[in-house]
Amino acid sequence: MADKANISSVDALEEFRANLIVYVSKARPAIEEVSSEIQRTRSWIQNDQRVHWEAQLRKRNLVLEQAKQALSSARIAVFQKDATLEQMAVQRAKRAVEEAEAKLKIIKIWNRDFDAKVEPLARQLERLHTFLSHDIVQAGAYLARAITTLQAYADLTAPTLASPELPVKSPEQTDESPAAPEGAPGPASIQAGDAP
């Protein structure tokens, strides 16, 4: 038997624990950033983009109305022979209004479908965050205790084997005859004539 326990994996456990701590320190902020990005995207769709495209639609409708009035005025005017520029302006304003309406329609669809599509993934992300915040932290603490225990075990010296002194049996004592109690006559002291 060796004088010392042969434990060679304590350093590997310490390295694994250190890598685990580094992983958690990088993964948790990344997951928290993704959760924040989900909230920002939801707010962007529900508030910013909706408000922006509703304002754009009003503004573009106003431009379209002005272009239509300019075209109507050009047709009525006696001195204006060609209203091509005004017609092009009306067409351009109509396309801008149609674009704003299409964007607003897409925003409404995104707003309606965002939670249904993102929520299952967000729940998985939350479970991963809980796993990293709770379970992996406990695993790191368990590894620290295991490393301490193994290191203490590796530092122990094995006891040396010394042969214990066994009582020596006399030739008269055998395994078949029990030893006589102290002070009692042994089998050699009983003579044939002393028998009762």
N, C-alpha and C. Protein backbone atom coordinates (compact mmCIF):
# COMPACT_ATOMS: atom_id res chain seq x y z
N MET A 1 0.85 -1.18 0.00
CA MET A 1 0.00 0.00 0.00
C MET A 1 0.89 1.24 0.00
N ALA A 2 0.51 2.27 -0.73
CA ALA A 2 1.31 3.49 -0.83
C ALA A 2 1.18 4.31 0.45
N ASP A 3 2.17 5.23 0.64
CA ASP A 3 2.12 6.09 1.80
C ASP A 3 1.10 7.20 1.64
N LYS A 4 0.70 7.49 0.42
CA LYS A 4 -0.20 8.61 0.15
C LYS A 4 -1.24 8.18 -0.88
N ALA A 5 -2.45 8.70 -0.77
CA ALA A 5 -3.49 8.38 -1.75
C ALA A 5 -3.10 8.99 -3.09
N ASN A 6 -3.37 8.29 -4.16
CA ASN A 6 -3.00 8.76 -5.50
C ASN A 6 -4.20 9.44 -6.13
N ILE A 7 -4.36 10.73 -5.86
CA ILE A 7 -5.45 11.53 -6.42
C ILE A 7 -4.82 12.50 -7.40
N SER A 8 -5.10 12.31 -8.66
CA SER A 8 -4.46 13.17 -9.67
C SER A 8 -5.45 14.11 -10.34
N SER A 9 -6.73 14.05 -10.01
CA SER A 9 -7.74 14.84 -10.73
C SER A 9 -8.18 16.10 -9.99
N VAL A 10 -7.60 16.43 -8.86
CA VAL A 10 -8.02 17.62 -8.12
C VAL A 10 -7.75 18.87 -8.94
N ASP A 11 -6.60 18.91 -9.61
CA ASP A 11 -6.28 20.07 -10.45
C ASP A 11 -7.27 20.18 -11.61
N ALA A 12 -7.66 19.04 -12.16
CA ALA A 12 -8.63 19.08 -13.26
C ALA A 12 -9.98 19.59 -12.77
N LEU A 13 -10.38 19.18 -11.57
CA LEU A 13 -11.63 19.68 -10.99
C LEU A 13 -11.56 21.18 -10.73
N GLU A 14 -10.42 21.65 -10.22
CA GLU A 14 -10.26 23.08 -9.98
C GLU A 14 -10.32 23.87 -11.29
N GLU A 15 -9.69 23.33 -12.33
CA GLU A 15 -9.73 24.00 -13.64
C GLU A 15 -11.15 24.01 -14.20
N PHE A 16 -11.85 22.88 -14.05
CA PHE A 16 -13.24 22.81 -14.53
C PHE A 16 -14.11 23.81 -13.79
N ARG A 17 -13.95 23.90 -12.46
CA ARG A 17 -14.73 24.85 -11.66
C ARG A 17 -14.44 26.29 -12.08
N ALA A 18 -13.16 26.60 -12.33
CA ALA A 18 -12.80 27.95 -12.78
C ALA A 18 -13.43 28.26 -14.12
N ASN A 19 -13.41 27.29 -15.05
CA ASN A 19 -14.03 27.48 -16.36
C ASN A 19 -15.54 27.63 -16.24
N LEU A 20 -16.13 26.90 -15.30
CA LEU A 20 -17.57 27.00 -15.07
C LEU A 20 -17.94 28.39 -14.57
N ILE A 21 -17.14 28.93 -13.68
CA ILE A 21 -17.39 30.28 -13.15
C ILE A 21 -17.27 31.31 -14.27
N VAL A 22 -16.25 31.16 -15.13
CA VAL A 22 -16.07 32.09 -16.25
C VAL A 22 -17.28 31.99 -17.20
N TYR A 23 -17.72 30.77 -17.47
CA TYR A 23 -18.87 30.56 -18.36
C TYR A 23 -20.11 31.26 -17.82
N VAL A 24 -20.38 31.06 -16.52
CA VAL A 24 -21.56 31.67 -15.92
C VAL A 24 -21.45 33.20 -15.95
N SER A 25 -20.24 33.71 -15.69
CA SER A 25 -20.06 35.17 -15.68
C SER A 25 -20.26 35.78 -17.06
N LYS A 26 -20.08 35.00 -18.11
CA LYS A 26 -20.31 35.50 -19.47
C LYS A 26 -21.72 35.21 -19.96
N ALA A 27 -22.25 34.05 -19.59
CA ALA A 27 -23.56 33.64 -20.10
C ALA A 27 -24.71 34.42 -19.48
N ARG A 28 -24.65 34.67 -18.18
CA ARG A 28 -25.76 35.37 -17.53
C ARG A 28 -25.97 36.77 -18.09
N PRO A 29 -24.93 37.60 -18.27
CA PRO A 29 -25.17 38.92 -18.86
C PRO A 29 -25.71 38.83 -20.29
N ALA A 30 -25.26 37.82 -21.04
CA ALA A 30 -25.75 37.67 -22.41
C ALA A 30 -27.24 37.34 -22.41
N ILE A 31 -27.66 36.46 -21.51
CA ILE A 31 -29.09 36.11 -21.42
C ILE A 31 -29.90 37.30 -20.95
N GLU A 32 -29.37 38.04 -19.99
CA GLU A 32 -30.08 39.23 -19.52
C GLU A 32 -30.19 40.27 -20.63
N GLU A 33 -29.16 40.38 -21.47
CA GLU A 33 -29.21 41.32 -22.61
C GLU A 33 -30.27 40.88 -23.61
N VAL A 34 -30.38 39.58 -23.86
CA VAL A 34 -31.41 39.09 -24.79
C VAL A 34 -32.80 39.37 -24.23
N SER A 35 -32.99 39.17 -22.93
CA SER A 35 -34.29 39.47 -22.31
C SER A 35 -34.62 40.95 -22.44
N SER A 36 -33.63 41.80 -22.23
CA SER A 36 -33.85 43.24 -22.39
C SER A 36 -34.16 43.59 -23.84
N GLU A 37 -33.49 42.93 -24.76
CA GLU A 37 -33.73 43.18 -26.18
C GLU A 37 -35.15 42.78 -26.58
N ILE A 38 -35.65 41.70 -26.00
CA ILE A 38 -37.04 41.30 -26.26
C ILE A 38 -37.99 42.39 -25.80
N GLN A 39 -37.76 42.93 -24.61
CA GLN A 39 -38.62 44.00 -24.10
C GLN A 39 -38.53 45.25 -24.97
N ARG A 40 -37.30 45.60 -25.39
CA ARG A 40 -37.14 46.78 -26.25
C ARG A 40 -37.84 46.58 -27.59
N THR A 41 -37.74 45.38 -28.15
CA THR A 41 -38.39 45.10 -29.44
C THR A 41 -39.90 45.18 -29.31
N ARG A 42 -40.42 44.61 -28.23
CA ARG A 42 -41.87 44.67 -27.99
C ARG A 42 -42.32 46.14 -27.89
N SER A 43 -41.60 46.94 -27.14
CA SER A 43 -41.94 48.36 -27.00
C SER A 43 -41.80 49.09 -28.34
N TRP A 44 -40.76 48.75 -29.10
CA TRP A 44 -40.53 49.38 -30.40
C TRP A 44 -41.70 49.10 -31.34
N ILE A 45 -42.18 47.84 -31.35
CA ILE A 45 -43.29 47.49 -32.24
C ILE A 45 -44.59 48.11 -31.75
N GLN A 46 -44.88 47.96 -30.45
CA GLN A 46 -46.16 48.39 -29.93
C GLN A 46 -46.30 49.91 -29.85
N ASN A 47 -45.20 50.59 -29.62
CA ASN A 47 -45.28 52.03 -29.41
C ASN A 47 -44.60 52.82 -30.53
N ASP A 48 -43.30 52.71 -30.61
CA ASP A 48 -42.52 53.57 -31.50
C ASP A 48 -42.95 53.44 -32.97
N GLN A 49 -42.92 52.21 -33.47
CA GLN A 49 -43.23 52.02 -34.88
C GLN A 49 -44.69 52.33 -35.21
N ARG A 50 -45.58 51.91 -34.34
CA ARG A 50 -47.01 52.19 -34.58
C ARG A 50 -47.25 53.70 -34.63
N VAL A 51 -46.72 54.41 -33.64
CA VAL A 51 -46.91 55.86 -33.60
C VAL A 51 -46.25 56.51 -34.82
N HIS A 52 -45.04 56.04 -35.17
CA HIS A 52 -44.32 56.61 -36.32
C HIS A 52 -45.13 56.46 -37.61
N TRP A 53 -45.61 55.24 -37.88
CA TRP A 53 -46.31 55.02 -39.16
C TRP A 53 -47.70 55.61 -39.17
N GLU A 54 -48.34 55.71 -38.02
CA GLU A 54 -49.62 56.43 -37.99
C GLU A 54 -49.41 57.90 -38.31
N ALA A 55 -48.34 58.49 -37.77
CA ALA A 55 -48.02 59.90 -38.09
C ALA A 55 -47.63 60.05 -39.56
N GLN A 56 -46.85 59.08 -40.08
CA GLN A 56 -46.48 59.13 -41.49
C GLN A 56 -47.70 59.03 -42.40
N LEU A 57 -48.66 58.19 -42.02
CA LEU A 57 -49.87 58.04 -42.83
C LEU A 57 -50.66 59.35 -42.85
N ARG A 58 -50.80 60.00 -41.70
CA ARG A 58 -51.50 61.28 -41.67
C ARG A 58 -50.77 62.32 -42.53
N LYS A 59 -49.47 62.37 -42.38
CA LYS A 59 -48.67 63.34 -43.13
C LYS A 59 -48.76 63.08 -44.64
N ARG A 60 -48.67 61.83 -45.03
CA ARG A 60 -48.72 61.49 -46.46
C ARG A 60 -50.11 61.69 -47.04
N ASN A 61 -51.15 61.44 -46.23
CA ASN A 61 -52.51 61.74 -46.70
C ASN A 61 -52.69 63.23 -46.94
N LEU A 62 -52.10 64.03 -46.07
CA LEU A 62 -52.15 65.48 -46.23
C LEU A 62 -51.44 65.91 -47.52
N VAL A 63 -50.27 65.31 -47.79
CA VAL A 63 -49.52 65.61 -49.02
C VAL A 63 -50.34 65.18 -50.24
N LEU A 64 -51.01 64.02 -50.14
CA LEU A 64 -51.84 63.54 -51.25
C LEU A 64 -52.99 64.51 -51.51
N GLU A 65 -53.64 64.94 -50.46
CA GLU A 65 -54.74 65.90 -50.63
C GLU A 65 -54.25 67.19 -51.28
N GLN A 66 -53.09 67.67 -50.87
CA GLN A 66 -52.54 68.89 -51.46
C GLN A 66 -52.20 68.67 -52.94
N ALA A 67 -51.65 67.47 -53.27
CA ALA A 67 -51.32 67.18 -54.67
C ALA A 67 -52.59 67.09 -55.51
N LYS A 68 -53.66 66.49 -54.96
CA LYS A 68 -54.92 66.41 -55.69
C LYS A 68 -55.50 67.81 -55.92
N GLN A 69 -55.41 68.66 -54.91
CA GLN A 69 -55.91 70.04 -55.08
C GLN A 69 -55.08 70.78 -56.13
N ALA A 70 -53.77 70.56 -56.15
CA ALA A 70 -52.92 71.21 -57.14
C ALA A 70 -53.27 70.72 -58.54
N LEU A 71 -53.55 69.44 -58.69
CA LEU A 71 -53.95 68.88 -59.99
C LEU A 71 -55.29 69.46 -60.42
N SER A 72 -56.22 69.51 -59.49
CA SER A 72 -57.54 70.06 -59.80
C SER A 72 -57.42 71.53 -60.21
N SER A 73 -56.60 72.27 -59.50
CA SER A 73 -56.39 73.70 -59.83
C SER A 73 -55.74 73.83 -61.21
N ALA A 74 -54.82 72.94 -61.53
CA ALA A 74 -54.12 73.01 -62.82
C ALA A 74 -55.08 72.72 -63.98
N ARG A 75 -56.02 71.83 -63.79
CA ARG A 75 -56.95 71.51 -64.85
C ARG A 75 -57.94 72.66 -65.10
N ILE A 76 -58.26 73.35 -64.03
CA ILE A 76 -59.23 74.45 -64.16
C ILE A 76 -58.59 75.69 -64.77
N ALA A 77 -57.31 75.86 -64.47
CA ALA A 77 -56.64 77.10 -64.91
C ALA A 77 -56.63 77.19 -66.43
N VAL A 78 -56.91 78.36 -66.95
CA VAL A 78 -56.97 78.61 -68.39
C VAL A 78 -55.57 78.62 -68.99
N PHE A 79 -54.63 79.14 -68.22
CA PHE A 79 -53.29 79.29 -68.77
C PHE A 79 -52.46 78.00 -68.69
N GLN A 80 -52.89 77.05 -67.93
CA GLN A 80 -52.13 75.80 -67.76
C GLN A 80 -52.58 74.82 -68.84
N LYS A 81 -51.67 74.45 -69.70
CA LYS A 81 -52.01 73.54 -70.78
C LYS A 81 -51.77 72.09 -70.39
N ASP A 82 -50.70 71.85 -69.60
CA ASP A 82 -50.33 70.47 -69.27
C ASP A 82 -50.25 70.32 -67.75
N ALA A 83 -50.94 69.31 -67.22
CA ALA A 83 -50.95 69.06 -65.78
C ALA A 83 -50.16 67.79 -65.45
N THR A 84 -49.17 67.45 -66.26
CA THR A 84 -48.39 66.22 -66.09
C THR A 84 -47.62 66.22 -64.77
N LEU A 85 -47.03 67.33 -64.43
CA LEU A 85 -46.26 67.40 -63.18
C LEU A 85 -47.17 67.17 -61.97
N GLU A 86 -48.34 67.76 -62.03
CA GLU A 86 -49.27 67.59 -60.92
C GLU A 86 -49.77 66.14 -60.83
N GLN A 87 -50.00 65.52 -62.00
CA GLN A 87 -50.43 64.12 -62.02
C GLN A 87 -49.34 63.21 -61.44
N MET A 88 -48.09 63.50 -61.79
CA MET A 88 -46.97 62.72 -61.23
C MET A 88 -46.87 62.90 -59.72
N ALA A 89 -47.11 64.11 -59.25
CA ALA A 89 -47.06 64.38 -57.81
C ALA A 89 -48.17 63.62 -57.09
N VAL A 90 -49.36 63.57 -57.72
CA VAL A 90 -50.47 62.82 -57.11
C VAL A 90 -50.12 61.33 -57.06
N GLN A 91 -49.56 60.79 -58.14
CA GLN A 91 -49.20 59.36 -58.17
C GLN A 91 -48.12 59.06 -57.11
N ARG A 92 -47.13 59.94 -57.01
CA ARG A 92 -46.08 59.76 -56.02
C ARG A 92 -46.67 59.82 -54.60
N ALA A 93 -47.59 60.72 -54.35
CA ALA A 93 -48.22 60.85 -53.03
C ALA A 93 -49.09 59.62 -52.74
N LYS A 94 -49.78 59.07 -53.76
CA LYS A 94 -50.59 57.86 -53.57
C LYS A 94 -49.69 56.67 -53.19
N ARG A 95 -48.54 56.54 -53.89
CA ARG A 95 -47.62 55.45 -53.56
C ARG A 95 -47.08 55.59 -52.13
N ALA A 96 -46.80 56.80 -51.71
CA ALA A 96 -46.31 57.04 -50.34
C ALA A 96 -47.38 56.68 -49.32
N VAL A 97 -48.64 57.02 -49.61
CA VAL A 97 -49.73 56.66 -48.70
C VAL A 97 -49.89 55.15 -48.65
N GLU A 98 -49.83 54.48 -49.81
CA GLU A 98 -49.97 53.02 -49.84
C GLU A 98 -48.82 52.35 -49.07
N GLU A 99 -47.62 52.92 -49.19
CA GLU A 99 -46.49 52.37 -48.44
C GLU A 99 -46.72 52.51 -46.94
N ALA A 100 -47.19 53.68 -46.50
CA ALA A 100 -47.45 53.90 -45.07
C ALA A 100 -48.55 52.97 -44.57
N GLU A 101 -49.59 52.77 -45.39
CA GLU A 101 -50.66 51.85 -44.99
C GLU A 101 -50.14 50.42 -44.88
N ALA A 102 -49.28 50.00 -45.83
CA ALA A 102 -48.72 48.65 -45.79
C ALA A 102 -47.82 48.47 -44.56
N LYS A 103 -47.01 49.49 -44.27
CA LYS A 103 -46.14 49.41 -43.09
C LYS A 103 -46.97 49.34 -41.82
N LEU A 104 -48.02 50.14 -41.75
CA LEU A 104 -48.87 50.13 -40.57
C LEU A 104 -49.58 48.78 -40.42
N LYS A 105 -49.97 48.19 -41.53
CA LYS A 105 -50.60 46.87 -41.49
C LYS A 105 -49.61 45.82 -40.98
N ILE A 106 -48.36 45.88 -41.45
CA ILE A 106 -47.33 44.94 -41.00
C ILE A 106 -47.06 45.12 -39.51
N ILE A 107 -47.00 46.37 -39.07
CA ILE A 107 -46.76 46.65 -37.65
C ILE A 107 -47.89 46.07 -36.80
N LYS A 108 -49.13 46.19 -37.27
CA LYS A 108 -50.25 45.63 -36.52
C LYS A 108 -50.16 44.11 -36.44
N ILE A 109 -49.72 43.46 -37.54
CA ILE A 109 -49.55 42.00 -37.54
C ILE A 109 -48.44 41.61 -36.57
N TRP A 110 -47.31 42.33 -36.62
CA TRP A 110 -46.21 42.04 -35.69
C TRP A 110 -46.67 42.23 -34.25
N ASN A 111 -47.41 43.29 -34.02
CA ASN A 111 -47.89 43.57 -32.67
C ASN A 111 -48.79 42.44 -32.17
N ARG A 112 -49.64 41.95 -33.07
CA ARG A 112 -50.57 40.87 -32.70
C ARG A 112 -49.83 39.55 -32.47
N ASP A 113 -48.84 39.25 -33.32
CA ASP A 113 -48.19 37.94 -33.29
C ASP A 113 -46.91 37.89 -32.45
N PHE A 114 -46.41 39.03 -32.01
CA PHE A 114 -45.10 39.05 -31.34
C PHE A 114 -45.07 38.15 -30.11
N ASP A 115 -46.02 38.34 -29.22
CA ASP A 115 -46.01 37.57 -27.97
C ASP A 115 -46.19 36.08 -28.24
N ALA A 116 -47.05 35.72 -29.18
CA ALA A 116 -47.29 34.30 -29.47
C ALA A 116 -46.03 33.63 -30.01
N LYS A 117 -45.24 34.35 -30.79
CA LYS A 117 -44.04 33.75 -31.37
C LYS A 117 -42.84 33.84 -30.44
N VAL A 118 -42.75 34.88 -29.65
CA VAL A 118 -41.56 35.09 -28.83
C VAL A 118 -41.70 34.49 -27.43
N GLU A 119 -42.90 34.45 -26.91
CA GLU A 119 -43.10 34.01 -25.52
C GLU A 119 -42.57 32.60 -25.24
N PRO A 120 -42.80 31.59 -26.10
CA PRO A 120 -42.21 30.26 -25.80
C PRO A 120 -40.68 30.30 -25.72
N LEU A 121 -40.07 31.05 -26.60
CA LEU A 121 -38.61 31.17 -26.56
C LEU A 121 -38.16 31.96 -25.33
N ALA A 122 -38.92 32.98 -24.96
CA ALA A 122 -38.58 33.77 -23.78
C ALA A 122 -38.68 32.92 -22.52
N ARG A 123 -39.66 32.01 -22.47
CA ARG A 123 -39.77 31.12 -21.31
C ARG A 123 -38.57 30.18 -21.22
N GLN A 124 -38.12 29.65 -22.36
CA GLN A 124 -36.92 28.81 -22.36
C GLN A 124 -35.71 29.60 -21.91
N LEU A 125 -35.63 30.82 -22.35
CA LEU A 125 -34.54 31.70 -21.95
C LEU A 125 -34.57 31.96 -20.45
N GLU A 126 -35.76 32.13 -19.91
CA GLU A 126 -35.91 32.35 -18.46
C GLU A 126 -35.49 31.12 -17.68
N ARG A 127 -35.84 29.93 -18.19
CA ARG A 127 -35.42 28.69 -17.53
C ARG A 127 -33.89 28.56 -17.55
N LEU A 128 -33.29 28.93 -18.67
CA LEU A 128 -31.83 28.89 -18.76
C LEU A 128 -31.21 29.88 -17.78
N HIS A 129 -31.81 31.06 -17.66
CA HIS A 129 -31.30 32.05 -16.72
C HIS A 129 -31.40 31.53 -15.29
N THR A 130 -32.51 30.88 -14.95
CA THR A 130 -32.67 30.30 -13.62
C THR A 130 -31.65 29.20 -13.38
N PHE A 131 -31.42 28.38 -14.40
CA PHE A 131 -30.44 27.30 -14.30
C PHE A 131 -29.05 27.87 -14.03
N LEU A 132 -28.69 28.92 -14.76
CA LEU A 132 -27.37 29.51 -14.58
C LEU A 132 -27.26 30.24 -13.24
N SER A 133 -28.34 30.88 -12.81
CA SER A 133 -28.30 31.66 -11.58
C SER A 133 -28.37 30.78 -10.34
N HIS A 134 -29.02 29.64 -10.43
CA HIS A 134 -29.24 28.83 -9.24
C HIS A 134 -28.47 27.51 -9.29
N ASP A 135 -28.78 26.69 -10.28
CA ASP A 135 -28.23 25.33 -10.33
C ASP A 135 -26.71 25.33 -10.55
N ILE A 136 -26.24 26.14 -11.48
CA ILE A 136 -24.80 26.13 -11.77
C ILE A 136 -24.03 26.74 -10.60
N VAL A 137 -24.60 27.71 -9.92
CA VAL A 137 -23.94 28.28 -8.74
C VAL A 137 -23.82 27.21 -7.65
N GLN A 138 -24.89 26.42 -7.47
CA GLN A 138 -24.82 25.32 -6.50
C GLN A 138 -23.81 24.27 -6.93
N ALA A 139 -23.72 24.01 -8.23
CA ALA A 139 -22.74 23.04 -8.73
C ALA A 139 -21.32 23.53 -8.45
N GLY A 140 -21.09 24.82 -8.62
CA GLY A 140 -19.77 25.38 -8.31
C GLY A 140 -19.43 25.23 -6.83
N ALA A 141 -20.42 25.47 -5.97
CA ALA A 141 -20.19 25.30 -4.52
C ALA A 141 -19.94 23.83 -4.19
N TYR A 142 -20.66 22.92 -4.83
CA TYR A 142 -20.45 21.49 -4.62
C TYR A 142 -19.04 21.10 -5.06
N LEU A 143 -18.61 21.59 -6.21
CA LEU A 143 -17.26 21.29 -6.69
C LEU A 143 -16.21 21.82 -5.72
N ALA A 144 -16.43 23.00 -5.17
CA ALA A 144 -15.49 23.57 -4.20
C ALA A 144 -15.37 22.65 -2.98
N ARG A 145 -16.52 22.17 -2.48
CA ARG A 145 -16.48 21.25 -1.33
C ARG A 145 -15.80 19.94 -1.70
N ALA A 146 -16.08 19.43 -2.89
CA ALA A 146 -15.45 18.17 -3.32
C ALA A 146 -13.94 18.34 -3.46
N ILE A 147 -13.52 19.47 -4.00
CA ILE A 147 -12.09 19.74 -4.15
C ILE A 147 -11.43 19.80 -2.78
N THR A 148 -12.06 20.49 -1.83
CA THR A 148 -11.51 20.59 -0.48
C THR A 148 -11.41 19.21 0.17
N THR A 149 -12.45 18.41 0.01
CA THR A 149 -12.46 17.06 0.59
C THR A 149 -11.37 16.20 -0.04
N LEU A 150 -11.29 16.21 -1.36
CA LEU A 150 -10.28 15.40 -2.05
C LEU A 150 -8.87 15.87 -1.71
N GLN A 151 -8.69 17.18 -1.60
CA GLN A 151 -7.36 17.71 -1.26
C GLN A 151 -6.97 17.27 0.16
N ALA A 152 -7.93 17.32 1.08
CA ALA A 152 -7.66 16.87 2.44
C ALA A 152 -7.35 15.38 2.45
N TYR A 153 -8.05 14.61 1.64
CA TYR A 153 -7.79 13.18 1.55
C TYR A 153 -6.42 12.91 0.95
N ALA A 154 -6.05 13.68 -0.07
CA ALA A 154 -4.75 13.50 -0.71
C ALA A 154 -3.62 13.87 0.23
N ASP A 155 -3.86 14.81 1.15
CA ASP A 155 -2.82 15.23 2.08
C ASP A 155 -2.61 14.25 3.23
N LEU A 156 -3.55 13.34 3.44
CA LEU A 156 -3.40 12.35 4.51
C LEU A 156 -2.29 11.38 4.16
N THR A 157 -1.55 10.92 5.21
CA THR A 157 -0.56 9.86 4.99
C THR A 157 -1.18 8.57 5.45
N ALA A 158 -0.90 7.53 4.72
CA ALA A 158 -1.47 6.24 5.07
C ALA A 158 -0.74 5.70 6.29
N PRO A 159 -1.43 5.07 7.21
CA PRO A 159 -0.76 4.51 8.38
C PRO A 159 0.14 3.35 7.96
N THR A 160 1.30 3.21 8.66
CA THR A 160 2.20 2.10 8.35
C THR A 160 1.66 0.85 9.00
N LEU A 161 1.85 -0.27 8.33
CA LEU A 161 1.36 -1.53 8.86
C LEU A 161 2.44 -2.15 9.76
N ALA A 162 2.20 -2.18 11.03
CA ALA A 162 3.09 -2.85 11.99
C ALA A 162 2.38 -4.12 12.42
N SER A 163 3.16 -5.21 12.55
CA SER A 163 2.51 -6.46 12.93
C SER A 163 2.16 -6.39 14.41
N PRO A 164 0.90 -6.56 14.74
CA PRO A 164 0.51 -6.50 16.14
C PRO A 164 1.02 -7.74 16.86
N GLU A 165 1.35 -7.58 18.12
CA GLU A 165 1.85 -8.71 18.90
C GLU A 165 0.68 -9.57 19.32
N LEU A 166 0.73 -10.81 18.87
CA LEU A 166 -0.31 -11.77 19.22
C LEU A 166 0.16 -12.59 20.42
N PRO A 167 -0.74 -12.98 21.29
CA PRO A 167 -0.31 -13.82 22.42
C PRO A 167 0.17 -15.17 21.91
N VAL A 168 1.26 -15.61 22.48
CA VAL A 168 1.85 -16.89 22.06
C VAL A 168 1.22 -17.99 22.88
N LYS A 169 0.81 -19.03 22.20
CA LYS A 169 0.18 -20.16 22.89
C LYS A 169 1.28 -21.13 23.34
N SER A 170 1.08 -21.67 24.50
CA SER A 170 2.02 -22.68 24.98
C SER A 170 1.74 -23.99 24.27
N PRO A 171 2.72 -24.89 24.23
CA PRO A 171 2.48 -26.15 23.52
C PRO A 171 1.35 -26.95 24.14
N GLU A 172 1.10 -26.74 25.43
CA GLU A 172 0.03 -27.49 26.07
C GLU A 172 -1.34 -26.97 25.64
N GLN A 173 -1.40 -25.64 25.24
CA GLN A 173 -2.69 -25.06 24.84
C GLN A 173 -2.90 -25.34 23.37
N THR A 174 -4.02 -25.88 23.11
CA THR A 174 -4.39 -26.12 21.72
C THR A 174 -5.74 -25.48 21.49
N ASP A 175 -6.13 -25.50 20.25
CA ASP A 175 -7.43 -24.89 19.94
C ASP A 175 -8.57 -25.72 20.48
N GLU A 176 -8.32 -27.05 20.72
CA GLU A 176 -9.41 -27.90 21.19
C GLU A 176 -9.63 -27.76 22.68
N SER A 177 -8.56 -27.47 23.41
CA SER A 177 -8.74 -27.34 24.85
C SER A 177 -8.62 -25.89 25.23
N PRO A 178 -9.61 -25.35 25.91
CA PRO A 178 -9.55 -23.95 26.28
C PRO A 178 -8.49 -23.73 27.34
N ALA A 179 -7.93 -22.55 27.37
CA ALA A 179 -6.91 -22.22 28.35
C ALA A 179 -7.55 -22.17 29.73
N ALA A 180 -6.80 -22.64 30.69
CA ALA A 180 -7.32 -22.66 32.06
C ALA A 180 -7.27 -21.26 32.62
N PRO A 181 -8.25 -20.91 33.43
CA PRO A 181 -8.21 -19.59 34.04
C PRO A 181 -6.99 -19.49 34.95
N GLU A 182 -6.60 -18.26 35.22
CA GLU A 182 -5.41 -18.02 36.02
C GLU A 182 -5.61 -18.55 37.43
N GLY A 183 -4.60 -19.27 37.95
CA GLY A 183 -4.67 -19.84 39.29
C GLY A 183 -5.27 -21.23 39.32
N ALA A 184 -5.91 -21.66 38.23
CA ALA A 184 -6.49 -23.00 38.17
C ALA A 184 -5.41 -23.96 37.69
N PRO A 185 -5.41 -25.19 38.16
CA PRO A 185 -4.39 -26.14 37.72
C PRO A 185 -4.61 -26.47 36.26
N GLY A 186 -3.51 -26.56 35.52
CA GLY A 186 -3.54 -26.89 34.11
C GLY A 186 -3.61 -28.38 33.93
N PRO A 187 -3.71 -28.88 32.71
CA PRO A 187 -3.84 -30.30 32.45
C PRO A 187 -2.59 -31.09 32.87
N ALA A 188 -1.42 -30.45 32.86
CA ALA A 188 -0.19 -31.19 33.21
C ALA A 188 -0.09 -31.41 34.72
N SER A 189 -0.75 -30.57 35.52
CA SER A 189 -0.62 -30.71 36.97
C SER A 189 -1.57 -31.75 37.55
N ILE A 190 -2.51 -32.22 36.75
CA ILE A 190 -3.43 -33.23 37.26
C ILE A 190 -2.80 -34.59 37.02
N GLN A 191 -2.61 -35.32 38.05
CA GLN A 191 -2.01 -36.66 37.97
C GLN A 191 -3.11 -37.69 37.87
N ALA A 192 -2.73 -38.85 37.45
CA ALA A 192 -3.70 -39.91 37.30
C ALA A 192 -4.32 -40.29 38.64
N GLY A 193 -3.55 -40.14 39.71
CA GLY A 193 -4.08 -40.53 41.01
C GLY A 193 -4.91 -39.43 41.64
N ASP A 194 -4.87 -38.26 41.11
CA ASP A 194 -5.61 -37.16 41.71
C ASP A 194 -7.05 -37.12 41.22
N ALA A 195 -7.41 -37.99 40.32
CA ALA A 195 -8.74 -37.91 39.75
C ALA A 195 -9.76 -38.28 40.80
N PRO A 196 -10.88 -37.69 40.88
CA PRO A 196 -11.88 -37.97 41.90
C PRO A 196 -12.60 -39.26 41.71
